[in-house]
Structures are given as C-alpha cells and as structure tokens.
Amino acid sequence: MYTLQTVEAIIEYYARNRGVGHTTAMIDGAKNTDGAIVLVHDYYNAAELKHKFPKLKAICATGPMEVLYGISAPLLIDHYVLTGLFYLLLSHINGLGKQVEDVKREIFGLNMLIDHKNNIIEKEHKEKIALQNALKELIRLINIYEILNDFDEDDTDLADAVKVAESLLQGC
C-alpha cells in the first residue's frame, strides 16, 4: 500500500498548498523549451498559457488525448490535473477493493453452501451403505430361512442345518 499512501499524500499536499506557485514553477522551468506540452485542467487555462507562452503547447485534460499521439516532447502535468487523476484512480482502486471484498464474501458463502451440500451427500452416502449392508444381511437371513425350511427334520438336527446354511451363504 506504499504507492496508495504516496498518492494520498500528494493529493493532500496539493490541497493544503494551493496558490503557492506550482504551475508558475513548472512553466518557468519549461517556457524556454520549444514544443513542451502542458496538460491543464480546462480550456480557459490552455488558452491563457498558449497566449502567454507561444512556445508551449497547452492542451486540456478533459479534451481528446489523441493530440499526444505522434508527439515527442516533454510533457508537463499541471498539479490540478495530477491531483484530479490521482483522486479518480484512488476512487477506482477503492471501488475495486470493495468489489473484491464482495466477491470474497460471495465465495465464502458459496463455500459454506458447498460444504453443507457435501455434508448432506456424505450423510446420504453413509445411509445408502448402511441400507445396502442391512439389505445384504436380510437376504442372508432369508436364504438361511429358506434353507432351514427345506431341510427334512428326520435327516439331520437343527444345528447341522444351520451349519450347512451358514457354509452355503459364506459368499453372500
């Protein structure tokens, strides 16, 4: 966040120090430079600079920026334009930060929903396995019952019939 703090400090500095000669110092440094471009905040200031300093090319920040294409000259940005751009960028960054937080909350909510659904699925899976095991046991018991019913009481006693039934059902 060092960069954001720097930008905020610059905005605050310019806001506290209006009228101390920022633009004048900038222009004094560039007025003898042929073709220097000065980006100002409105058409009135652009016209005023063009009139006072014919060597400078003054353009308005609210106008089309295509005028900068194909030009190779020093670019001076008026502090008013700079602070406005910084302020807009900070606002945009803060807006994006809020969007990121909203998306994080949405993702958290979706993860909670997914966890809940997974718990339901896991519970249903365990119940399904328990039902399958109970069904297997029921089938085993039915098969034992059928085997025992088919045994002739004279041929063997009940204990032998259970042993036979159990040995027959080992694979179930």
Protein backbone atom coordinates (compact mmCIF):
# COMPACT_ATOMS: atom_id res chain seq x y z
CA MET A 1 0.00 0.00 0.00
CA TYR A 2 3.04 2.28 -0.11
CA THR A 3 2.01 3.60 -3.53
CA LEU A 4 -1.53 4.43 -2.40
CA GLN A 5 -0.17 6.27 0.64
CA THR A 6 2.16 8.26 -1.59
CA VAL A 7 -0.66 9.22 -3.92
CA GLU A 8 -2.85 10.21 -0.97
CA ALA A 9 -0.01 12.29 0.49
CA ILE A 10 0.49 14.11 -2.83
CA ILE A 11 -3.23 14.87 -3.09
CA GLU A 12 -3.29 16.18 0.48
CA TYR A 13 -0.13 18.24 -0.09
CA TYR A 14 -1.53 19.98 -3.15
CA ALA A 15 -4.86 20.54 -1.37
CA ARG A 16 -3.07 22.21 1.58
CA ASN A 17 -0.75 24.26 -0.62
CA ARG A 18 -2.97 25.96 -3.17
CA GLY A 19 -1.70 29.18 -4.72
CA VAL A 20 1.97 28.73 -3.77
CA GLY A 21 3.21 28.71 -7.37
CA HIS A 22 3.17 25.08 -8.51
CA THR A 23 2.08 25.96 -12.04
CA THR A 24 4.34 29.02 -12.21
CA ALA A 25 7.40 26.97 -11.22
CA MET A 26 6.52 24.33 -13.78
CA ILE A 27 6.03 26.89 -16.54
CA ASP A 28 9.21 28.79 -15.59
CA GLY A 29 11.13 25.57 -15.98
CA ALA A 30 9.64 24.84 -19.41
CA LYS A 31 8.95 28.23 -21.03
CA ASN A 32 12.22 28.23 -22.93
CA THR A 33 11.76 24.65 -24.14
CA ASP A 34 10.46 24.51 -27.69
CA GLY A 35 7.36 22.35 -28.05
CA ALA A 36 6.89 21.40 -24.40
CA ILE A 37 3.37 20.15 -23.77
CA VAL A 38 1.43 21.34 -20.74
CA LEU A 39 -1.64 19.36 -19.69
CA VAL A 40 -4.06 21.67 -17.87
CA HIS A 41 -7.50 21.09 -16.36
CA ASP A 42 -9.67 23.32 -18.57
CA TYR A 43 -9.80 25.12 -21.93
CA TYR A 44 -9.55 28.56 -20.31
CA ASN A 45 -6.14 27.72 -18.76
CA ALA A 46 -5.00 26.14 -22.03
CA ALA A 47 -5.88 29.30 -23.97
CA GLU A 48 -4.23 31.51 -21.33
CA LEU A 49 -0.99 29.51 -21.44
CA LYS A 50 -0.92 29.49 -25.25
CA HIS A 51 -1.30 33.26 -25.23
CA LYS A 52 1.39 33.89 -22.57
CA PHE A 53 3.87 31.27 -23.76
CA PRO A 54 3.61 30.62 -27.50
CA LYS A 55 6.44 28.05 -27.42
CA LEU A 56 4.37 25.79 -25.14
CA LYS A 57 1.65 23.51 -26.43
CA ALA A 58 -1.15 23.67 -23.85
CA ILE A 59 -3.87 21.03 -24.02
CA CYS A 60 -6.90 20.41 -21.85
CA ALA A 61 -7.09 17.21 -19.81
CA THR A 62 -10.82 16.94 -20.49
CA GLY A 63 -10.26 17.01 -24.24
CA PRO A 64 -9.24 14.19 -26.55
CA MET A 65 -5.84 12.74 -25.69
CA GLU A 66 -5.18 11.71 -29.29
CA VAL A 67 -3.31 15.02 -29.67
CA LEU A 68 -0.44 13.38 -27.76
CA TYR A 69 -0.02 10.62 -30.35
CA GLY A 70 2.99 11.06 -32.57
CA ILE A 71 4.45 13.92 -30.50
CA SER A 72 7.85 13.62 -28.88
CA ALA A 73 8.27 16.45 -26.41
CA PRO A 74 8.45 17.00 -22.66
CA LEU A 75 5.04 16.62 -21.02
CA LEU A 76 4.20 18.79 -18.02
CA ILE A 77 1.11 17.92 -16.00
CA ASP A 78 -0.49 20.70 -14.00
CA HIS A 79 -0.93 19.86 -10.32
CA TYR A 80 -4.69 20.34 -10.60
CA VAL A 81 -4.86 17.70 -13.35
CA LEU A 82 -2.50 15.42 -11.45
CA THR A 83 -4.48 15.54 -8.21
CA GLY A 84 -7.72 15.01 -10.15
CA LEU A 85 -6.29 11.95 -11.87
CA PHE A 86 -4.88 10.62 -8.61
CA TYR A 87 -8.22 11.15 -6.88
CA LEU A 88 -10.09 9.33 -9.67
CA LEU A 89 -7.59 6.46 -9.59
CA LEU A 90 -7.86 6.16 -5.81
CA SER A 91 -11.64 6.15 -6.06
CA HIS A 92 -11.46 3.46 -8.72
CA ILE A 93 -8.99 1.40 -6.65
CA ASN A 94 -11.20 1.72 -3.57
CA GLY A 95 -14.21 0.67 -5.66
CA LEU A 96 -12.29 -2.35 -6.92
CA GLY A 97 -11.29 -3.15 -3.34
CA LYS A 98 -14.94 -3.13 -2.32
CA GLN A 99 -15.78 -5.37 -5.27
CA VAL A 100 -13.01 -7.77 -4.21
CA GLU A 101 -14.44 -7.87 -0.68
CA ASP A 102 -17.94 -8.50 -2.08
CA VAL A 103 -16.61 -11.34 -4.23
CA LYS A 104 -14.72 -12.79 -1.23
CA ARG A 105 -17.95 -12.73 0.81
CA GLU A 106 -19.82 -14.36 -2.05
CA ILE A 107 -17.13 -17.03 -2.42
CA PHE A 108 -17.22 -17.64 1.35
CA GLY A 109 -20.99 -18.06 1.18
CA LEU A 110 -20.68 -20.42 -1.77
CA ASN A 111 -18.01 -22.43 0.04
CA MET A 112 -20.30 -22.71 3.05
CA LEU A 113 -23.10 -23.91 0.76
CA ILE A 114 -20.77 -26.41 -0.92
CA ASP A 115 -19.63 -27.71 2.49
CA HIS A 116 -23.26 -28.08 3.56
CA LYS A 117 -24.13 -29.94 0.34
CA ASN A 118 -21.06 -32.16 0.73
CA ASN A 119 -22.09 -32.99 4.30
CA ILE A 120 -25.58 -33.91 3.08
CA ILE A 121 -24.11 -36.05 0.28
CA GLU A 122 -21.72 -37.74 2.72
CA LYS A 123 -24.57 -38.44 5.15
CA GLU A 124 -26.76 -39.80 2.33
CA HIS A 125 -23.85 -41.96 1.13
CA LYS A 126 -23.35 -43.41 4.62
CA GLU A 127 -27.09 -44.07 4.90
CA LYS A 128 -27.06 -45.76 1.48
CA ILE A 129 -24.17 -48.02 2.52
CA ALA A 130 -25.93 -48.84 5.80
CA LEU A 131 -29.11 -49.72 3.84
CA GLN A 132 -27.11 -51.87 1.41
CA ASN A 133 -25.48 -53.71 4.33
CA ALA A 134 -28.86 -54.19 6.02
CA LEU A 135 -30.32 -55.50 2.74
CA LYS A 136 -27.42 -57.94 2.35
CA GLU A 137 -27.99 -59.15 5.90
CA LEU A 138 -31.72 -59.50 5.25
CA ILE A 139 -31.06 -61.51 2.08
CA ARG A 140 -28.62 -63.69 4.03
CA LEU A 141 -31.23 -64.31 6.70
CA ILE A 142 -33.94 -65.07 4.12
CA ASN A 143 -31.63 -67.55 2.41
CA ILE A 144 -30.86 -69.23 5.75
CA TYR A 145 -34.57 -69.37 6.50
CA GLU A 146 -35.30 -70.96 3.10
CA ILE A 147 -32.52 -73.50 3.57
CA LEU A 148 -33.78 -74.37 7.03
CA ASN A 149 -37.33 -74.73 5.75
CA ASP A 150 -36.17 -77.10 3.02
CA PHE A 151 -34.38 -79.40 5.49
CA ASP A 152 -36.06 -82.61 6.41
CA GLU A 153 -36.29 -82.86 10.19
CA ASP A 154 -35.58 -86.60 10.09
CA ASP A 155 -32.31 -86.31 8.18
CA THR A 156 -30.41 -84.01 10.49
CA ASP A 157 -30.97 -81.91 13.52
CA LEU A 158 -31.39 -78.12 13.53
CA ALA A 159 -27.75 -77.36 14.47
CA ASP A 160 -26.48 -79.26 11.44
CA ALA A 161 -28.98 -77.42 9.22
CA VAL A 162 -27.71 -74.05 10.48
CA LYS A 163 -24.09 -75.11 9.81
CA VAL A 164 -24.99 -76.16 6.29
CA ALA A 165 -26.91 -72.93 5.69
CA GLU A 166 -24.03 -70.83 7.03
CA SER A 167 -21.48 -72.63 4.87
CA LEU A 168 -23.69 -72.17 1.80
CA LEU A 169 -24.04 -68.45 2.48
CA GLN A 170 -20.38 -67.64 3.09
CA GLY A 171 -20.16 -65.85 -0.29
CA CYS A 172 -23.15 -63.53 0.31
